[in-house]
C-alpha atoms as a PDB file:
ATOM      1  CA  PRO A   1      10.023  -1.348  12.424  1.00  0.00           C
ATOM      2  CA  CYS A   2       6.516  -0.050  12.395  1.00  0.00           C
ATOM      3  CA  PRO A   3       6.355   3.962  12.406  1.00  0.00           C
ATOM      4  CA  GLN A   4       5.615   5.300  15.818  1.00  0.00           C
ATOM      5  CA  SER A   5       6.400   9.715  14.579  1.00  0.00           C
ATOM      6  CA  LEU A   6       4.446  11.751  12.106  1.00  0.00           C
ATOM      7  CA  GLU A   7       7.722  11.914  10.612  1.00  0.00           C
ATOM      8  CA  GLU A   8       8.153   8.235  10.203  1.00  0.00           C
ATOM      9  CA  LYS A   9       5.043   7.729   8.995  1.00  0.00           C
ATOM     10  CA  ALA A  10       5.561  10.092   6.118  1.00  0.00           C
ATOM     11  CA  ALA A  11       8.687   8.533   4.892  1.00  0.00           C
ATOM     12  CA  ALA A  12       6.523   5.320   5.006  1.00  0.00           C
ATOM     13  CA  ALA A  13       3.948   6.888   2.896  1.00  0.00           C
ATOM     14  CA  LYS A  14       6.681   8.240   0.700  1.00  0.00           C
ATOM     15  CA  LYS A  15       8.068   4.935   0.240  1.00  0.00           C
ATOM     16  CA  TYR A  16       4.939   2.964  -0.782  1.00  0.00           C
ATOM     17  CA  ASN A  17       3.899   5.628  -3.384  1.00  0.00           C
ATOM     18  CA  MET A  18       0.813   7.034  -1.252  1.00  0.00           C
ATOM     19  CA  THR A  19       0.219  10.067   0.573  1.00  0.00           C
ATOM     20  CA  LEU A  20      -0.015  10.740   4.492  1.00  0.00           C
ATOM     21  CA  SER A  21      -4.024  10.610   4.241  1.00  0.00           C
ATOM     22  CA  GLU A  22      -3.759   7.280   2.446  1.00  0.00           C
ATOM     23  CA  TYR A  23      -0.969   5.579   4.304  1.00  0.00           C
ATOM     24  CA  GLU A  24      -2.138   3.566   7.512  1.00  0.00           C
ATOM     25  CA  PRO A  25       0.093   0.812   8.732  1.00  0.00           C
ATOM     26  CA  TYR A  26      -0.765  -2.525  10.634  1.00  0.00           C
ATOM     27  CA  PRO A  27      -0.916  -2.418  13.982  1.00  0.00           C
ATOM     28  CA  ASP A  28       2.131  -3.199  15.493  1.00  0.00           C
ATOM     29  CA  ASN A  29       1.167  -6.403  17.629  1.00  0.00           C
ATOM     30  CA  GLY A  30       4.318  -8.977  17.098  1.00  0.00           C
ATOM     31  CA  GLU A  31       3.509  -9.850  13.926  1.00  0.00           C
ATOM     32  CA  GLY A  32       6.045  -8.422  12.304  1.00  0.00           C
ATOM     33  CA  TYR A  33       4.117  -6.378   9.612  1.00  0.00           C
ATOM     34  CA  GLY A  34       6.627  -3.194   9.941  1.00  0.00           C
ATOM     35  CA  ASP A  35       5.555  -0.159   8.181  1.00  0.00           C
ATOM     36  CA  TYR A  36       3.679  -2.125   5.096  1.00  0.00           C
ATOM     37  CA  PRO A  37       0.792  -0.426   4.586  1.00  0.00           C
ATOM     38  CA  LYS A  38      -2.367  -2.011   5.471  1.00  0.00           C
ATOM     39  CA  LEU A  39      -4.674  -2.104   1.937  1.00  0.00           C
ATOM     40  CA  PRO A  40      -8.160  -2.832   1.142  1.00  0.00           C
ATOM     41  CA  ASP A  41      -9.006  -6.124   0.711  1.00  0.00           C
ATOM     42  CA  ARG A  42     -10.248  -6.137  -2.961  1.00  0.00           C
ATOM     43  CA  SER A  43      -9.712  -9.227  -5.747  1.00  0.00           C
ATOM     44  CA  GLN A  44      -7.659  -7.980  -8.439  1.00  0.00           C
ATOM     45  CA  HIS A  45     -10.923  -8.654 -11.330  1.00  0.00           C
ATOM     46  CA  GLU A  46     -12.771  -6.179  -9.154  1.00  0.00           C
ATOM     47  CA  ARG A  47     -10.689  -3.262 -10.761  1.00  0.00           C
ATOM     48  CA  ASP A  48     -11.468  -1.347 -13.263  1.00  0.00           C
ATOM     49  CA  PRO A  49     -10.790  -3.861 -16.709  1.00  0.00           C
ATOM     50  CA  TRP A  50     -10.608  -0.513 -19.317  1.00  0.00           C
ATOM     51  CA  TYR A  51      -7.898   1.187 -17.243  1.00  0.00           C
ATOM     52  CA  LYS A  52      -4.623   1.934 -18.548  1.00  0.00           C
ATOM     53  CA  TRP A  53      -2.337  -0.629 -16.263  1.00  0.00           C
ATOM     54  CA  ASP A  54       0.930  -1.368 -17.020  1.00  0.00           C
ATOM     55  CA  HIS A  55       0.435  -4.833 -16.451  1.00  0.00           C
ATOM     56  CA  PRO A  56      -3.274  -5.182 -17.880  1.00  0.00           C
ATOM     57  CA  ASP A  57      -3.152  -8.873 -17.410  1.00  0.00           C
ATOM     58  CA  LEU A  58      -3.159  -8.375 -13.720  1.00  0.00           C
ATOM     59  CA  ARG A  59      -4.333  -5.164 -13.144  1.00  0.00           C
ATOM     60  CA  ARG A  60      -1.321  -3.671 -12.121  1.00  0.00           C
ATOM     61  CA  ASN A  61       0.728  -0.717 -11.800  1.00  0.00           C
ATOM     62  CA  TRP A  62       4.384  -0.618 -12.114  1.00  0.00           C
ATOM     63  CA  GLY A  63       5.265   0.290  -7.937  1.00  0.00           C
ATOM     64  CA  GLU A  64       1.826  -0.372  -6.641  1.00  0.00           C
ATOM     65  CA  PRO A  65       2.157  -2.009  -3.125  1.00  0.00           C
ATOM     66  CA  VAL A  66       0.717  -5.933  -3.382  1.00  0.00           C
ATOM     67  CA  THR A  67      -2.326  -6.856  -1.531  1.00  0.00           C
END
Protein backbone atom coordinates (compact mmCIF):
# COMPACT_ATOMS: atom_id res chain seq x y z
CA PRO A 1 0.00 0.00 0.00
CA CYS A 2 1.08 3.54 -0.72
CA PRO A 3 1.95 5.48 2.46
CA GLN A 4 -0.57 8.20 3.27
CA SER A 5 0.38 9.59 6.69
CA LEU A 6 3.69 11.05 7.80
CA GLU A 7 4.24 8.06 10.11
CA GLU A 8 3.73 5.62 7.21
CA LYS A 9 6.17 7.62 5.06
CA ALA A 10 8.75 7.63 7.87
CA ALA A 11 8.40 3.85 8.29
CA ALA A 12 8.78 3.29 4.53
CA ALA A 13 11.83 5.59 4.39
CA LYS A 14 13.43 3.62 7.21
CA LYS A 15 12.59 0.35 5.43
CA TYR A 16 14.54 1.51 2.35
CA ASN A 17 17.39 3.02 4.41
CA MET A 18 16.54 6.58 3.35
CA THR A 19 15.87 9.79 5.23
CA LEU A 20 12.37 11.22 5.18
CA SER A 21 13.60 14.14 3.05
CA GLU A 22 15.06 11.73 0.44
CA TYR A 23 12.04 9.43 0.33
CA GLU A 24 9.30 10.05 -2.24
CA PRO A 25 6.96 7.21 -3.20
CA TYR A 26 5.46 6.73 -6.63
CA PRO A 27 1.99 8.28 -6.95
CA ASP A 28 -0.90 6.00 -6.02
CA ASN A 29 -2.45 5.79 -9.50
CA GLY A 30 -3.30 2.09 -9.53
CA GLU A 31 -0.05 0.82 -11.11
CA GLY A 32 0.85 -1.08 -7.95
CA TYR A 33 4.22 0.39 -6.92
CA GLY A 34 3.12 0.54 -3.28
CA ASP A 35 5.68 2.18 -1.01
CA TYR A 36 8.68 1.65 -3.33
CA PRO A 37 10.72 4.87 -3.55
CA LYS A 38 10.85 6.92 -6.73
CA LEU A 39 14.56 6.96 -7.53
CA PRO A 40 16.45 9.11 -10.04
CA ASP A 41 16.86 7.69 -13.55
CA ARG A 42 20.63 7.18 -13.64
CA SER A 43 22.75 4.52 -15.25
CA GLN A 44 25.12 2.47 -13.11
CA HIS A 45 27.92 3.71 -15.37
CA GLU A 46 27.21 7.31 -14.35
CA ARG A 47 28.17 6.49 -10.77
CA ASP A 48 31.62 7.22 -9.35
CA PRO A 49 33.96 4.38 -10.39
CA TRP A 50 36.48 5.24 -7.62
CA TYR A 51 34.00 5.00 -4.73
CA LYS A 52 34.44 1.96 -2.43
CA TRP A 53 31.29 0.09 -3.55
CA ASP A 54 30.25 -3.17 -1.88
CA HIS A 55 29.83 -4.58 -5.41
CA PRO A 56 32.32 -2.59 -7.54
CA ASP A 57 31.45 -4.36 -10.78
CA LEU A 58 27.80 -3.24 -10.40
CA ARG A 59 28.61 0.04 -8.58
CA ARG A 60 26.06 -0.80 -5.88
CA ASN A 61 26.06 -1.07 -2.11
CA TRP A 62 24.42 -3.80 -0.06
CA GLY A 63 20.79 -3.04 0.78
CA GLU A 64 20.50 -0.21 -1.73
CA PRO A 65 17.12 0.05 -3.52
CA VAL A 66 17.20 -1.10 -7.14
CA THR A 67 16.55 1.57 -9.76
